Protein backbone atom coordinates (compact mmCIF):
# COMPACT_ATOMS: atom_id res chain seq x y z
CA MET A 1 0.00 0.00 0.00
CA SER A 2 1.20 3.50 -0.85
CA TYR A 3 -0.32 6.52 0.86
CA GLY A 4 0.89 9.17 -1.57
CA VAL A 5 0.79 12.76 -0.35
CA ARG A 6 -1.93 13.45 2.20
CA ARG A 7 -2.56 16.19 4.70
CA ARG A 8 -3.03 14.90 8.22
CA ARG A 9 -2.42 15.49 11.89
CA VAL A 10 -1.26 12.85 14.33
CA HIS A 11 -4.29 12.11 16.53
CA HIS A 12 -5.71 9.19 14.51
CA LEU A 13 -2.64 8.33 12.47
CA ALA A 14 -1.89 5.01 14.18
CA LEU A 15 -5.48 3.86 13.70
CA ASP A 16 -5.49 4.98 10.07
CA TYR A 17 -2.41 2.91 9.28
CA SER A 18 -3.29 -0.08 11.44
CA GLN A 19 -6.72 -0.41 9.82
CA ARG A 20 -4.96 -1.12 6.55
CA ALA A 21 -2.11 -3.25 7.91
CA HIS A 22 -2.25 -6.96 7.10
CA LYS A 23 0.15 -9.80 7.78
CA GLY A 24 2.93 -9.86 5.22
CA ALA A 25 1.99 -6.52 3.66
CA LEU A 26 4.48 -3.83 2.68
CA MET A 27 3.12 -0.37 3.51
CA LEU A 28 4.62 2.96 2.46
CA THR A 29 3.99 6.18 4.31
CA GLU A 30 2.85 9.37 2.67
CA GLY A 31 5.61 11.72 1.59
CA THR A 32 7.60 12.53 4.74
CA CYS A 33 9.75 15.64 4.66
CA ILE A 34 13.48 15.34 5.33
CA SER A 35 13.93 18.94 6.49
CA ALA A 36 12.11 22.20 7.17
CA GLU A 37 12.89 23.33 3.62
CA ALA A 38 11.41 20.17 2.14
CA HIS A 39 7.78 21.14 2.79
CA GLY A 40 5.37 22.42 0.15
CA TYR A 41 1.93 21.36 1.39
CA PRO A 42 0.00 22.04 4.61
CA ASP A 43 0.02 19.52 7.45
CA THR A 44 2.57 17.12 5.96
CA PRO A 45 4.77 15.01 8.26
CA GLY A 46 8.51 15.07 8.74
CA ILE A 47 11.28 12.85 10.05
CA TYR A 48 13.92 15.47 10.95
CA THR A 49 13.15 16.37 14.59
CA ASN A 50 13.09 14.34 17.77
CA ALA A 51 9.38 15.10 18.20
CA GLN A 52 8.61 13.75 14.73
CA ILE A 53 10.63 10.59 15.36
CA ALA A 54 8.72 10.03 18.60
CA ALA A 55 5.36 10.68 16.93
CA TRP A 56 5.97 7.98 14.32
CA LYS A 57 6.75 5.27 16.90
CA PRO A 58 3.14 4.42 17.90
CA VAL A 59 2.19 4.31 14.21
CA ILE A 60 4.98 1.85 13.48
CA LYS A 61 4.09 -0.21 16.56
CA ALA A 62 0.46 -0.45 15.44
CA VAL A 63 1.44 -1.59 11.94
CA HIS A 64 3.92 -4.16 13.26
CA ALA A 65 1.26 -5.53 15.61
CA LYS A 66 -0.70 -6.52 12.50
CA GLY A 67 2.32 -8.28 10.97
CA ALA A 68 3.00 -5.70 8.24
CA LEU A 69 6.16 -3.85 7.24
CA LEU A 70 6.29 -0.05 7.06
CA TYR A 71 8.73 1.98 4.97
CA CYS A 72 9.09 5.74 5.35
CA GLN A 73 8.96 7.67 2.08
CA LEU A 74 11.68 10.35 2.21
CA TRP A 75 10.57 13.49 0.42
CA HIS A 76 11.76 16.92 -0.64
CA VAL A 77 9.40 18.92 -2.86
CA GLY A 78 12.06 21.26 -4.27
CA ARG A 79 10.46 24.01 -6.35
CA ALA A 80 6.91 22.73 -5.60
CA SER A 81 6.79 25.00 -2.56
CA HIS A 82 6.32 28.62 -1.55
CA GLN A 83 8.07 31.19 0.63
CA GLU A 84 5.40 30.62 3.26
CA TYR A 85 6.72 27.09 3.84
CA GLN A 86 10.38 28.05 3.82
CA PRO A 87 12.48 29.03 6.83
CA ASP A 88 12.87 32.82 6.96
CA GLY A 89 10.57 33.19 3.93
CA ALA A 90 13.28 32.29 1.43
CA ALA A 91 12.48 31.19 -2.11
CA PRO A 92 12.16 27.41 -2.52
CA MET A 93 15.07 25.61 -4.12
CA ALA A 94 15.37 23.78 -7.43
CA PRO A 95 18.05 22.72 -9.89
CA SER A 96 17.32 25.86 -11.94
CA ALA A 97 15.39 29.09 -11.41
CA ILE A 98 12.42 27.91 -13.47
CA PRO A 99 8.94 28.08 -11.89
CA ILE A 100 6.01 25.73 -12.27
CA VAL A 101 3.65 27.48 -14.71
CA SER A 102 0.90 24.90 -15.23
CA GLU A 103 -2.58 25.32 -13.77
CA VAL A 104 -1.56 23.48 -10.59
CA LYS A 105 -1.45 25.82 -7.60
CA VAL A 106 0.41 25.86 -4.30
CA TYR A 107 -1.84 26.09 -1.25
CA ILE A 108 -0.89 28.67 1.35
CA SER A 109 -2.72 30.32 4.26
CA THR A 110 -4.63 32.70 1.97
CA GLY A 111 -5.69 29.97 -0.48
CA PRO A 112 -4.34 28.73 -3.83
CA ALA A 113 -1.47 30.75 -5.28
CA ASP A 114 0.93 30.63 -8.22
CA TYR A 115 4.20 28.86 -7.63
CA PRO A 116 7.06 31.35 -7.18
CA THR A 117 10.28 31.35 -9.12
CA PRO A 118 12.69 29.11 -7.17
CA ARG A 119 16.34 29.78 -6.55
CA ALA A 120 18.91 27.55 -8.21
CA MET A 121 20.67 25.34 -5.69
CA THR A 122 24.34 25.93 -5.04
CA GLY A 123 26.88 23.15 -4.70
CA GLU A 124 26.70 23.61 -0.93
CA ASP A 125 22.91 23.26 -1.05
CA ILE A 126 23.28 19.97 -2.88
CA LYS A 127 25.76 18.67 -0.30
CA ARG A 128 23.49 19.75 2.55
CA VAL A 129 20.35 18.19 1.09
CA THR A 130 22.20 14.93 0.40
CA GLU A 131 23.19 14.90 4.06
CA GLU A 132 19.60 15.65 5.10
CA PHE A 133 18.38 12.61 3.16
CA ARG A 134 21.03 10.49 4.90
CA VAL A 135 20.10 11.75 8.36
CA ALA A 136 16.38 11.34 7.66
CA ALA A 137 16.98 7.74 6.67
CA ARG A 138 18.85 7.10 9.91
CA ASN A 139 16.06 8.81 11.86
CA ALA A 140 13.49 6.58 10.19
CA ILE A 141 15.32 3.39 11.07
CA ASP A 142 15.89 4.62 14.62
CA ALA A 143 12.15 5.31 14.89
CA GLY A 144 11.49 1.67 14.01
CA PHE A 145 10.64 1.79 10.31
CA ASP A 146 11.59 -1.35 8.41
CA GLY A 147 13.12 0.66 5.59
CA VAL A 148 12.88 3.85 3.57
CA GLU A 149 11.76 4.82 0.11
CA VAL A 150 13.61 7.65 -1.62
CA HIS A 151 10.97 9.73 -3.39
CA GLY A 152 12.42 10.46 -6.82
CA ALA A 153 9.13 10.91 -8.65
CA ASN A 154 6.08 13.09 -9.33
CA GLY A 155 7.81 16.36 -10.11
CA TYR A 156 9.60 16.75 -6.78
CA LEU A 157 13.22 17.65 -6.11
CA LEU A 158 15.12 14.57 -7.27
CA GLU A 159 13.00 14.27 -10.40
CA GLN A 160 13.56 17.97 -11.06
CA PHE A 161 17.26 17.18 -11.41
CA ILE A 162 16.65 14.12 -13.57
CA LYS A 163 14.40 15.67 -16.22
CA ASP A 164 15.87 17.95 -18.86
CA GLY A 165 12.75 20.10 -19.07
CA ILE A 166 13.55 21.45 -15.59
CA ASN A 167 17.28 21.02 -15.09
CA LYS A 168 19.08 23.70 -17.11
CA ARG A 169 22.26 23.77 -15.03
CA GLU A 170 25.65 24.11 -16.67
CA ASP A 171 27.74 22.58 -13.88
CA GLU A 172 28.43 18.98 -12.88
CA PHE A 173 24.77 18.53 -11.91
CA GLY A 174 23.20 19.54 -15.22
CA GLY A 175 23.53 19.35 -18.97
CA SER A 176 24.42 15.76 -19.87
CA LEU A 177 22.36 12.82 -18.71
CA GLU A 178 25.13 11.62 -16.43
CA ASN A 179 25.31 15.04 -14.81
CA ARG A 180 21.53 15.23 -14.33
CA LEU A 181 21.58 11.85 -12.60
CA ARG A 182 24.51 12.75 -10.37
CA PHE A 183 22.58 14.32 -7.45
CA PRO A 184 19.78 11.71 -7.28
CA LEU A 185 22.37 8.94 -7.39
CA GLN A 186 24.39 10.63 -4.64
CA VAL A 187 21.26 10.71 -2.49
CA ILE A 188 20.43 7.06 -3.14
CA LYS A 189 24.00 6.00 -2.37
CA ALA A 190 24.16 8.11 0.80
CA VAL A 191 20.91 6.61 2.08
CA ALA A 192 21.94 3.06 1.14
CA ASP A 193 25.34 3.47 2.79
CA GLU A 194 23.68 4.76 5.96
CA VAL A 195 20.96 2.14 6.52
CA GLY A 196 21.87 -0.67 4.14
CA ALA A 197 20.76 -0.98 0.52
CA SER A 198 18.43 -3.87 1.38
CA LYS A 199 16.33 -1.40 3.37
CA VAL A 200 16.09 1.19 0.60
CA GLY A 201 13.54 1.47 -2.20
CA VAL A 202 13.30 4.21 -4.82
CA ARG A 203 10.15 5.68 -6.39
CA LEU A 204 10.38 6.88 -10.01
CA SER A 205 7.90 8.25 -12.56
CA PRO A 206 9.57 8.50 -15.98
CA TYR A 207 6.44 9.48 -17.90
CA SER A 208 4.82 11.80 -15.37
CA THR A 209 4.43 15.44 -16.35
CA PHE A 210 2.90 16.49 -13.05
CA LEU A 211 4.28 19.85 -11.87
CA ASP A 212 5.73 20.49 -15.34
CA ALA A 213 8.15 17.58 -15.03
CA PHE A 214 8.97 17.01 -18.70
CA ASP A 215 11.80 14.96 -20.18
CA SER A 216 12.67 14.72 -23.87
CA ASP A 217 13.60 11.02 -23.73
CA PRO A 218 12.25 9.37 -20.56
CA VAL A 219 13.03 5.81 -21.64
CA SER A 220 16.73 6.45 -22.22
CA THR A 221 16.96 8.67 -19.15
CA TYR A 222 15.47 6.15 -16.77
CA LEU A 223 17.13 3.11 -18.31
CA ARG A 224 20.44 4.77 -17.54
CA LEU A 225 19.32 5.47 -13.99
CA VAL A 226 18.30 1.83 -13.58
CA GLU A 227 21.67 0.72 -14.92
CA HIS A 228 23.35 2.77 -12.20
CA VAL A 229 21.31 1.33 -9.32
CA ASP A 230 20.97 -2.25 -10.57
CA GLY A 231 23.35 -4.38 -8.58
CA MET A 232 23.31 -2.11 -5.53
CA GLY A 233 21.07 -4.60 -3.72
CA LEU A 234 18.18 -2.18 -3.26
CA ALA A 235 14.98 -3.45 -1.65
CA TYR A 236 13.03 -2.50 -4.79
CA LEU A 237 12.30 0.06 -7.47
CA HIS A 238 8.79 1.54 -7.41
CA PHE A 239 7.73 2.79 -10.86
CA VAL A 240 4.62 4.83 -11.65
CA GLU A 241 2.71 3.85 -14.78
CA ALA A 242 2.48 6.27 -17.71
CA ARG A 243 -1.31 6.29 -17.50
CA VAL A 244 -1.15 8.60 -14.48
CA GLY A 245 1.13 11.04 -16.23
CA THR A 246 -0.55 14.14 -14.82
CA GLY A 247 -0.38 12.80 -11.28
CA VAL A 248 -4.17 12.56 -10.92
CA ASP A 249 -6.25 11.67 -13.98
CA MET A 250 -6.07 8.38 -15.83
CA GLU A 251 -4.76 8.61 -19.37
CA ASP A 252 -4.60 6.14 -22.25
CA THR A 253 -1.03 5.61 -23.36
CA LYS A 254 1.15 3.24 -25.34
CA GLU A 255 4.10 3.86 -23.03
CA THR A 256 5.06 1.00 -20.76
CA LEU A 257 7.24 0.16 -17.79
CA GLU A 258 8.49 -2.98 -19.55
CA PRO A 259 11.97 -1.61 -20.46
CA PHE A 260 12.67 -0.75 -16.84
CA ARG A 261 11.27 -4.04 -15.57
CA LYS A 262 13.62 -5.91 -17.89
CA ALA A 263 16.62 -3.79 -16.95
CA PHE A 264 16.27 -4.10 -13.18
CA LYS A 265 17.14 -7.45 -11.64
CA GLY A 266 15.69 -6.71 -8.20
CA PRO A 267 12.09 -6.53 -6.93
CA PHE A 268 9.92 -4.31 -9.10
CA ILE A 269 6.79 -2.50 -7.86
CA ALA A 270 4.31 -0.98 -10.32
CA ALA A 271 1.84 1.72 -9.33
CA GLY A 272 -0.85 3.75 -11.01
CA GLY A 273 -4.54 3.08 -11.49
CA TYR A 274 -4.44 -0.64 -10.81
CA LYS A 275 -7.61 -2.54 -9.98
CA ARG A 276 -7.98 -6.17 -8.91
CA GLU A 277 -7.96 -7.76 -12.36
CA ASN A 278 -5.17 -5.84 -14.04
CA GLY A 279 -3.08 -6.02 -10.89
CA MET A 280 -3.35 -9.79 -10.84
CA ALA A 281 -2.61 -9.93 -14.57
CA ALA A 282 0.51 -7.80 -14.12
CA ILE A 283 1.86 -10.18 -11.47
CA GLU A 284 0.93 -13.33 -13.37
CA GLY A 285 2.40 -11.94 -16.58
CA GLY A 286 5.67 -10.94 -14.93
CA SER A 287 5.25 -7.20 -15.46
CA ALA A 288 5.86 -6.59 -11.76
CA ASP A 289 6.62 -8.41 -8.53
CA LEU A 290 4.30 -6.23 -6.46
CA ILE A 291 1.45 -3.85 -7.22
CA SER A 292 1.06 -0.67 -5.18
CA TYR A 293 -2.47 0.40 -4.30
CA GLY A 294 -3.27 3.85 -2.96
CA ARG A 295 -6.75 5.24 -3.54
CA LEU A 296 -8.45 1.84 -3.43
CA PHE A 297 -6.73 0.99 -0.17
CA LEU A 298 -7.67 4.32 1.37
CA ALA A 299 -11.35 3.59 0.69
CA ASN A 300 -11.11 -0.12 1.52
CA PRO A 301 -9.07 -0.85 4.65
CA ASP A 302 -9.70 -4.56 4.11
CA LEU A 303 -8.69 -4.46 0.44
CA PRO A 304 -6.78 -7.79 0.44
CA ARG A 305 -9.84 -9.61 1.75
CA ARG A 306 -12.11 -7.91 -0.75
CA PHE A 307 -9.75 -8.89 -3.56
CA GLU A 308 -9.62 -12.46 -2.28
CA LEU A 309 -13.43 -12.70 -2.24
CA ASN A 310 -13.87 -10.54 -5.34
CA ALA A 311 -16.20 -8.48 -3.15
CA PRO A 312 -17.57 -5.03 -4.02
CA LEU A 313 -15.38 -2.06 -3.17
CA ASN A 314 -16.16 1.16 -1.35
CA SER A 315 -15.90 4.20 -3.62
CA TYR A 316 -13.31 6.71 -2.53
CA ASP A 317 -14.15 10.35 -1.87
CA ARG A 318 -11.52 12.42 -3.65
CA SER A 319 -12.61 15.58 -1.81
CA THR A 320 -11.13 14.14 1.42
CA PHE A 321 -7.71 13.23 -0.02
CA PHE A 322 -5.96 16.46 0.92
CA CYS A 323 -7.83 17.73 3.94
CA ALA A 324 -6.68 17.81 7.54
CA GLU A 325 -9.93 16.28 8.83
CA GLN A 326 -9.15 13.64 11.43
CA VAL A 327 -11.91 11.14 10.68
CA LYS A 328 -13.67 11.64 7.35
CA GLY A 329 -11.73 10.03 4.54
CA TYR A 330 -9.24 8.45 6.92
CA ILE A 331 -10.74 6.07 9.46
CA ASP A 332 -14.45 6.08 8.56
CA TYR A 333 -14.49 3.79 5.52
CA PRO A 334 -16.41 0.60 6.40
CA PHE A 335 -15.02 -2.91 6.43
CA LEU A 336 -16.87 -5.67 4.60
CA ASP A 337 -18.83 -6.72 7.68
CA GLU A 338 -19.82 -3.18 8.63
CA GLU A 339 -22.61 -0.93 7.56
CA PRO A 340 -21.49 2.35 5.99
CA LYS A 341 -21.26 5.12 8.58
CA LYS A 342 -23.98 7.78 8.36
CA GLU A 343 -23.14 11.47 8.13
C-alpha cells in the first residue's frame, strides 16, 4: 500500500495505518519531509526532529502488531513550494530558477497561489540536502521503520534534477544525462550506505508530467538510472505507470514500464490506477513483482480480503484526499462486515 501525499495530523494516524495493515503486507507512508525546507503542502509530516521521530513510533508499533512492514517515504518537494513554507521566507530551491507554470497551484494560508520562481541550488545546497536525506533515513530506522523509500518521482526535487525540461544547469549537476543523474544517485547512495541498501527502495515516474516535469527522452533517461542502481542490492524500485502522467487523472497511453522491468534485476513495484484484475494480470504476466495500491486501499481498509473474495469495493471520496480532517476520509471507511457510517 502507498499513501501518496496526504494532509493529516497525528491524533488518529496510528489507527489509520493499522486499519490497513495486514500480515505480510508492505506499507509505504505518505511523503515525509526530510527537512524544514522540504515542505510544500499544509500539514505534511517530517522525520527530521526528535518530536517527529517520537510521533511515528506508535504508528509503526500499530502496523507491526498486524504483521506488516512499514517503509518511510523520504521526500523533498524542491520548487513545488512557496516562501510561506520556507524558513525565513526564502524562495524554494530547485536545480534551476524555473517556476512551475501549469494550472496546478500551491496552497498557502490565503488559499491557492501561483508557484514562485525558485532559486537555483548551489553546490553547498546539494551537499546539505544529500546529508539531510542520509540523516532522515537514519532517523526513520531509529524510529522503528523497516526501511525507507527515496521519493524520486512526481515532479519533486530529485526528479527535477533528472528531467531535462527542468534542469538547465551548466555545472556537474546539469547538462548531460550523467550530470543530471549525479545528485539523485548521490542521495540514493548516501541513504543506502547509511541504513543498508536492502532497506532502501526508490520511487520513479519517468512518464509523469505532473508539476511540469517534462523529459525529452524518458526511456533512455530512466534506463540509464536503472543501470546505475541495478546491482546495488536495493529493496526494490517503485515505478509509476504512464497512464497517471498528470499525477491525478487516468490517461490512455502506449508507453510502458516494460523496459525498466527488464533492466532491473531486483524486486519491481508498479503503481498507477491498478484494480484487482489488471493487478493480478501484471503479477501473473511478470510485469511486476508487487502492485502498489493507494486510492483503493484508502477507501477499503480490508482491500486484500475484498480482492480475495472478489467483493464489491467502497468508492473513494476524492474531496477528502488532501484535507486535515481527522476522521472523514481516513478512518471512517467501512469494512466488509460493517454498515457504511452515516453522516
